[in-house]
PDB file of N, CA and C in Angstrom:
ATOM      1  N   UNK A   1       1.585  -9.019  -1.832  1.00  0.00           N
ATOM      2  CA  UNK A   1       0.561  -8.570  -0.929  1.00  0.00           C
ATOM      3  C   UNK A   1      -0.476  -9.669  -0.741  1.00  0.00           C
ATOM      4  N   UNK A   2      -0.952  -9.792   0.446  1.00  0.00           N
ATOM      5  CA  UNK A   2      -1.969 -10.781   0.763  1.00  0.00           C
ATOM      6  C   UNK A   2      -3.336 -10.231   0.363  1.00  0.00           C
ATOM      7  N   UNK A   3      -4.051 -10.939  -0.487  1.00  0.00           N
ATOM      8  CA  UNK A   3      -5.351 -10.495  -0.984  1.00  0.00           C
ATOM      9  C   UNK A   3      -6.361 -10.365   0.155  1.00  0.00           C
ATOM     10  N   UNK A   4      -6.179 -11.126   1.208  1.00  0.00           N
ATOM     11  CA  UNK A   4      -7.115 -11.069   2.330  1.00  0.00           C
ATOM     12  C   UNK A   4      -7.032  -9.737   3.076  1.00  0.00           C
ATOM     13  N   UNK A   5      -5.974  -8.990   2.866  1.00  0.00           N
ATOM     14  CA  UNK A   5      -5.825  -7.691   3.515  1.00  0.00           C
ATOM     15  C   UNK A   5      -6.536  -6.574   2.762  1.00  0.00           C
ATOM     16  N   UNK A   6      -6.966  -6.825   1.532  1.00  0.00           N
ATOM     17  CA  UNK A   6      -7.572  -5.779   0.705  1.00  0.00           C
ATOM     18  C   UNK A   6      -8.743  -5.056   1.375  1.00  0.00           C
ATOM     19  N   UNK A   7      -9.685  -5.753   2.005  1.00  0.00           N
ATOM     20  CA  UNK A   7     -10.779  -5.008   2.656  1.00  0.00           C
ATOM     21  C   UNK A   7     -10.271  -4.057   3.747  1.00  0.00           C
ATOM     22  N   UNK A   8      -9.339  -4.507   4.548  1.00  0.00           N
ATOM     23  CA  UNK A   8      -8.782  -3.630   5.589  1.00  0.00           C
ATOM     24  C   UNK A   8      -8.021  -2.468   4.965  1.00  0.00           C
ATOM     25  N   UNK A   9      -7.319  -2.723   3.891  1.00  0.00           N
ATOM     26  CA  UNK A   9      -6.583  -1.668   3.206  1.00  0.00           C
ATOM     27  C   UNK A   9      -7.550  -0.616   2.650  1.00  0.00           C
ATOM     28  N   UNK A  10      -8.675  -1.058   2.097  1.00  0.00           N
ATOM     29  CA  UNK A  10      -9.671  -0.119   1.562  1.00  0.00           C
ATOM     30  C   UNK A  10     -10.241   0.747   2.681  1.00  0.00           C
ATOM     31  N   UNK A  11     -10.550   0.115   3.803  1.00  0.00           N
ATOM     32  CA  UNK A  11     -11.064   0.874   4.949  1.00  0.00           C
ATOM     33  C   UNK A  11     -10.015   1.871   5.444  1.00  0.00           C
ATOM     34  N   UNK A  12      -8.762   1.448   5.486  1.00  0.00           N
ATOM     35  CA  UNK A  12      -7.686   2.323   5.956  1.00  0.00           C
ATOM     36  C   UNK A  12      -7.511   3.511   5.011  1.00  0.00           C
ATOM     37  N   UNK A  13      -7.649   3.286   3.719  1.00  0.00           N
ATOM     38  CA  UNK A  13      -7.532   4.379   2.750  1.00  0.00           C
ATOM     39  C   UNK A  13      -8.695   5.366   2.897  1.00  0.00           C
ATOM     40  N   UNK A  14      -9.859   4.859   3.314  1.00  0.00           N
ATOM     41  CA  UNK A  14     -11.039   5.705   3.452  1.00  0.00           C
ATOM     42  C   UNK A  14     -11.033   6.514   4.752  1.00  0.00           C
ATOM     43  N   UNK A  15     -10.320   6.040   5.746  1.00  0.00           N
ATOM     44  CA  UNK A  15     -10.302   6.745   7.031  1.00  0.00           C
ATOM     45  C   UNK A  15      -9.728   5.870   8.124  1.00  0.00           C
ATOM     46  N   UNK A  16     -10.143   6.129   9.320  1.00  0.00           N
ATOM     47  CA  UNK A  16      -9.627   5.412  10.489  1.00  0.00           C
ATOM     48  C   UNK A  16     -10.227   4.010  10.586  1.00  0.00           C
ATOM     49  N   UNK A  17      -9.405   3.061  10.992  1.00  0.00           N
ATOM     50  CA  UNK A  17      -9.847   1.676  11.195  1.00  0.00           C
ATOM     51  C   UNK A  17      -9.644   1.349  12.668  1.00  0.00           C
ATOM     52  N   UNK A  18     -10.671   0.817  13.295  1.00  0.00           N
ATOM     53  CA  UNK A  18     -10.573   0.424  14.701  1.00  0.00           C
ATOM     54  C   UNK A  18     -10.606  -1.092  14.774  1.00  0.00           C
ATOM     55  N   UNK A  19      -9.545  -1.671  15.316  1.00  0.00           N
ATOM     56  CA  UNK A  19      -9.470  -3.119  15.502  1.00  0.00           C
ATOM     57  C   UNK A  19      -9.742  -3.416  16.973  1.00  0.00           C
ATOM     58  N   UNK A  20     -10.546  -4.422  17.230  1.00  0.00           N
ATOM     59  CA  UNK A  20     -10.921  -4.768  18.594  1.00  0.00           C
ATOM     60  C   UNK A  20     -10.296  -6.089  19.016  1.00  0.00           C
ATOM     61  N   UNK A  21     -10.049  -6.212  20.318  1.00  0.00           N
ATOM     62  CA  UNK A  21      -9.526  -7.451  20.870  1.00  0.00           C
ATOM     63  C   UNK A  21     -10.083  -7.641  22.275  1.00  0.00           C
ATOM     64  N   UNK A  22     -10.119  -8.884  22.727  1.00  0.00           N
ATOM     65  CA  UNK A  22     -10.551  -9.174  24.084  1.00  0.00           C
ATOM     66  C   UNK A  22      -9.348  -9.331  25.016  1.00  0.00           C
ATOM     67  N   UNK A  23      -8.151  -9.259  24.457  1.00  0.00           N
ATOM     68  CA  UNK A  23      -6.942  -9.419  25.271  1.00  0.00           C
ATOM     69  C   UNK A  23      -6.772  -8.212  26.192  1.00  0.00           C
ATOM     70  N   UNK A  24      -6.292  -8.454  27.403  1.00  0.00           N
ATOM     71  CA  UNK A  24      -6.066  -7.358  28.356  1.00  0.00           C
ATOM     72  C   UNK A  24      -4.890  -6.490  27.912  1.00  0.00           C
ATOM     73  N   UNK A  25      -3.887  -7.097  27.355  1.00  0.00           N
ATOM     74  CA  UNK A  25      -2.713  -6.373  26.882  1.00  0.00           C
ATOM     75  C   UNK A  25      -2.702  -6.428  25.351  1.00  0.00           C
ATOM     76  N   UNK A  26      -2.739  -5.282  24.727  1.00  0.00           N
ATOM     77  CA  UNK A  26      -2.777  -5.224  23.266  1.00  0.00           C
ATOM     78  C   UNK A  26      -1.561  -5.915  22.656  1.00  0.00           C
ATOM     79  N   UNK A  27      -0.410  -5.764  23.298  1.00  0.00           N
ATOM     80  CA  UNK A  27       0.817  -6.374  22.774  1.00  0.00           C
ATOM     81  C   UNK A  27       0.738  -7.900  22.735  1.00  0.00           C
ATOM     82  N   UNK A  28      -0.142  -8.486  23.556  1.00  0.00           N
ATOM     83  CA  UNK A  28      -0.291  -9.942  23.597  1.00  0.00           C
ATOM     84  C   UNK A  28      -1.354 -10.439  22.615  1.00  0.00           C
ATOM     85  N   UNK A  29      -1.961  -9.536  21.889  1.00  0.00           N
ATOM     86  CA  UNK A  29      -3.033  -9.932  20.971  1.00  0.00           C
ATOM     87  C   UNK A  29      -2.524  -9.969  19.530  1.00  0.00           C
ATOM     88  N   UNK A  30      -3.425 -10.192  18.626  1.00  0.00           N
ATOM     89  CA  UNK A  30      -3.113 -10.244  17.204  1.00  0.00           C
ATOM     90  C   UNK A  30      -3.049  -8.855  16.567  1.00  0.00           C
ATOM     91  N   UNK A  31      -3.482  -7.829  17.285  1.00  0.00           N
ATOM     92  CA  UNK A  31      -3.585  -6.492  16.707  1.00  0.00           C
ATOM     93  C   UNK A  31      -2.269  -5.907  16.195  1.00  0.00           C
ATOM     94  N   UNK A  32      -1.169  -6.000  16.948  1.00  0.00           N
ATOM     95  CA  UNK A  32       0.079  -5.445  16.396  1.00  0.00           C
ATOM     96  C   UNK A  32       0.503  -6.108  15.082  1.00  0.00           C
ATOM     97  N   UNK A  33       0.253  -7.398  14.959  1.00  0.00           N
ATOM     98  CA  UNK A  33       0.614  -8.127  13.740  1.00  0.00           C
ATOM     99  C   UNK A  33      -0.250  -7.651  12.576  1.00  0.00           C
ATOM    100  N   UNK A  34      -1.559  -7.551  12.801  1.00  0.00           N
ATOM    101  CA  UNK A  34      -2.469  -7.098  11.745  1.00  0.00           C
ATOM    102  C   UNK A  34      -2.129  -5.665  11.340  1.00  0.00           C
ATOM    103  N   UNK A  35      -1.873  -4.818  12.317  1.00  0.00           N
ATOM    104  CA  UNK A  35      -1.528  -3.424  12.025  1.00  0.00           C
ATOM    105  C   UNK A  35      -0.292  -3.350  11.134  1.00  0.00           C
ATOM    106  N   UNK A  36       0.751  -4.086  11.497  1.00  0.00           N
ATOM    107  CA  UNK A  36       1.983  -4.059  10.698  1.00  0.00           C
ATOM    108  C   UNK A  36       1.774  -4.633   9.305  1.00  0.00           C
ATOM    109  N   UNK A  37       0.985  -5.695   9.192  1.00  0.00           N
ATOM    110  CA  UNK A  37       0.704  -6.280   7.875  1.00  0.00           C
ATOM    111  C   UNK A  37      -0.024  -5.294   6.978  1.00  0.00           C
ATOM    112  N   UNK A  38      -1.039  -4.618   7.519  1.00  0.00           N
ATOM    113  CA  UNK A  38      -1.808  -3.662   6.730  1.00  0.00           C
ATOM    114  C   UNK A  38      -0.940  -2.470   6.336  1.00  0.00           C
ATOM    115  N   UNK A  39      -0.183  -1.923   7.296  1.00  0.00           N
ATOM    116  CA  UNK A  39       0.682  -0.779   6.986  1.00  0.00           C
ATOM    117  C   UNK A  39       1.742  -1.142   5.952  1.00  0.00           C
ATOM    118  N   UNK A  40       2.312  -2.329   6.071  1.00  0.00           N
ATOM    119  CA  UNK A  40       3.315  -2.779   5.086  1.00  0.00           C
ATOM    120  C   UNK A  40       2.696  -2.949   3.709  1.00  0.00           C
ATOM    121  N   UNK A  41       1.495  -3.526   3.660  1.00  0.00           N
ATOM    122  CA  UNK A  41       0.823  -3.725   2.379  1.00  0.00           C
ATOM    123  C   UNK A  41       0.477  -2.379   1.739  1.00  0.00           C
ATOM    124  N   UNK A  42       0.047  -1.408   2.541  1.00  0.00           N
ATOM    125  CA  UNK A  42      -0.246  -0.076   2.012  1.00  0.00           C
ATOM    126  C   UNK A  42       1.018   0.585   1.478  1.00  0.00           C
ATOM    127  N   UNK A  43       2.091   0.435   2.211  1.00  0.00           N
ATOM    128  CA  UNK A  43       3.376   0.997   1.787  1.00  0.00           C
ATOM    129  C   UNK A  43       3.841   0.364   0.470  1.00  0.00           C
ATOM    130  N   UNK A  44       3.695  -0.963   0.389  1.00  0.00           N
ATOM    131  CA  UNK A  44       4.082  -1.693  -0.826  1.00  0.00           C
ATOM    132  C   UNK A  44       3.234  -1.242  -2.017  1.00  0.00           C
ATOM    133  N   UNK A  45       1.943  -1.074  -1.782  1.00  0.00           N
ATOM    134  CA  UNK A  45       1.043  -0.627  -2.845  1.00  0.00           C
ATOM    135  C   UNK A  45       1.409   0.789  -3.304  1.00  0.00           C
ATOM    136  N   UNK A  46       1.721   1.665  -2.358  1.00  0.00           N
ATOM    137  CA  UNK A  46       2.129   3.030  -2.708  1.00  0.00           C
ATOM    138  C   UNK A  46       3.423   3.025  -3.514  1.00  0.00           C
ATOM    139  N   UNK A  47       4.359   2.180  -3.130  1.00  0.00           N
ATOM    140  CA  UNK A  47       5.637   2.103  -3.844  1.00  0.00           C
ATOM    141  C   UNK A  47       5.423   1.616  -5.266  1.00  0.00           C
ATOM    142  N   UNK A  48       4.547   0.644  -5.450  1.00  0.00           N
ATOM    143  CA  UNK A  48       4.301   0.130  -6.797  1.00  0.00           C
ATOM    144  C   UNK A  48       3.584   1.158  -7.662  1.00  0.00           C
ATOM    145  N   UNK A  49       2.805   2.042  -7.040  1.00  0.00           N
ATOM    146  CA  UNK A  49       2.131   3.098  -7.798  1.00  0.00           C
ATOM    147  C   UNK A  49       3.111   4.144  -8.308  1.00  0.00           C
ATOM    148  N   UNK A  50       4.253   4.274  -7.663  1.00  0.00           N
ATOM    149  CA  UNK A  50       5.245   5.252  -8.089  1.00  0.00           C
ATOM    150  C   UNK A  50       6.111   4.742  -9.227  1.00  0.00           C
ATOM    151  N   UNK A  51       6.091   3.437  -9.496  1.00  0.00           N
ATOM    152  CA  UNK A  51       6.893   2.858 -10.568  1.00  0.00           C
ATOM    153  C   UNK A  51       6.172   3.033 -11.902  1.00  0.00           C
ATOM    154  N   UNK A  52       6.948   3.214 -12.972  1.00  0.00           N
ATOM    155  CA  UNK A  52       6.375   3.307 -14.295  1.00  0.00           C
ATOM    156  C   UNK A  52       5.862   1.933 -14.720  1.00  0.00           C
ATOM    157  N   UNK A  53       4.715   1.907 -15.362  1.00  0.00           N
ATOM    158  CA  UNK A  53       4.182   0.652 -15.888  1.00  0.00           C
ATOM    159  C   UNK A  53       4.946   0.236 -17.131  1.00  0.00           C
ATOM    160  N   UNK A  54       5.430   1.214 -17.855  1.00  0.00           N
ATOM    161  CA  UNK A  54       6.235   0.954 -19.043  1.00  0.00           C
ATOM    162  C   UNK A  54       7.339   2.003 -19.077  1.00  0.00           C
ATOM    163  N   UNK A  55       8.230   1.854 -20.020  1.00  0.00           N
ATOM    164  CA  UNK A  55       9.328   2.798 -20.138  1.00  0.00           C
ATOM    165  C   UNK A  55       8.779   4.204 -20.359  1.00  0.00           C
ATOM    166  N   UNK A  56       9.376   5.200 -19.720  1.00  0.00           N
ATOM    167  CA  UNK A  56       8.899   6.559 -19.948  1.00  0.00           C
ATOM    168  C   UNK A  56       9.200   7.000 -21.381  1.00  0.00           C
ATOM    169  N   UNK A  57       8.340   7.793 -21.919  1.00  0.00           N
ATOM    170  CA  UNK A  57       8.534   8.301 -23.276  1.00  0.00           C
ATOM    171  C   UNK A  57       9.557   9.426 -23.229  1.00  0.00           C
ATOM    172  N   UNK A  58      10.616   9.258 -23.981  1.00  0.00           N
ATOM    173  CA  UNK A  58      11.676  10.257 -24.016  1.00  0.00           C
ATOM    174  C   UNK A  58      11.694  11.000 -25.344  1.00  0.00           C
ATOM    175  N   UNK A  59      10.596  10.933 -26.084  1.00  0.00           N
ATOM    176  CA  UNK A  59      10.539  11.566 -27.405  1.00  0.00           C
ATOM    177  C   UNK A  59      10.758  13.064 -27.308  1.00  0.00           C
ATOM    178  N   UNK A  60      10.351  13.646 -26.218  1.00  0.00           N
ATOM    179  CA  UNK A  60      10.519  15.101 -26.079  1.00  0.00           C
ATOM    180  C   UNK A  60      11.994  15.519 -25.982  1.00  0.00           C
ATOM    181  N   UNK A  61      12.883  14.572 -25.749  1.00  0.00           N
ATOM    182  CA  UNK A  61      14.321  14.889 -25.655  1.00  0.00           C
ATOM    183  C   UNK A  61      15.029  14.763 -27.007  1.00  0.00           C
ATOM    184  N   UNK A  62      14.349  14.185 -27.993  1.00  0.00           N
ATOM    185  CA  UNK A  62      14.942  14.008 -29.320  1.00  0.00           C
ATOM    186  C   UNK A  62      14.798  15.294 -30.133  1.00  0.00           C
ATOM    187  N   UNK A  63      15.733  15.527 -31.011  1.00  0.00           N
ATOM    188  CA  UNK A  63      15.569  16.668 -31.926  1.00  0.00           C
ATOM    189  C   UNK A  63      14.314  16.484 -32.766  1.00  0.00           C
ATOM    190  N   UNK A  64      13.696  17.570 -33.156  1.00  0.00           N
ATOM    191  CA  UNK A  64      12.438  17.539 -33.899  1.00  0.00           C
ATOM    192  C   UNK A  64      12.540  16.673 -35.156  1.00  0.00           C
ATOM    193  N   UNK A  65      13.677  16.669 -35.808  1.00  0.00           N
ATOM    194  CA  UNK A  65      13.847  15.897 -37.050  1.00  0.00           C
ATOM    195  C   UNK A  65      13.781  14.391 -36.809  1.00  0.00           C
ATOM    196  N   UNK A  66      14.015  13.920 -35.583  1.00  0.00           N
ATOM    197  CA  UNK A  66      14.020  12.489 -35.288  1.00  0.00           C
ATOM    198  C   UNK A  66      12.700  12.001 -34.664  1.00  0.00           C
ATOM    199  N   UNK A  67      11.777  12.875 -34.418  1.00  0.00           N
ATOM    200  CA  UNK A  67      10.519  12.459 -33.771  1.00  0.00           C
ATOM    201  C   UNK A  67       9.587  11.800 -34.715  1.00  0.00           C
TER     202      UNK A  67
END
């Protein structure tokens, strides 16, 4: 993830983000690229949050005598 996207990601997590451009056609501006970068970074961050930081504890599956 690009660290420079963090402020935009924080704003996006808090609510709506409005990006402005002077281009007549949005598709010809930088906005679609920024939008995709931010959405991808948010998706990547969400995916990493779903991963275990360490191995899950499976002690509850062991017989009581082995715990």
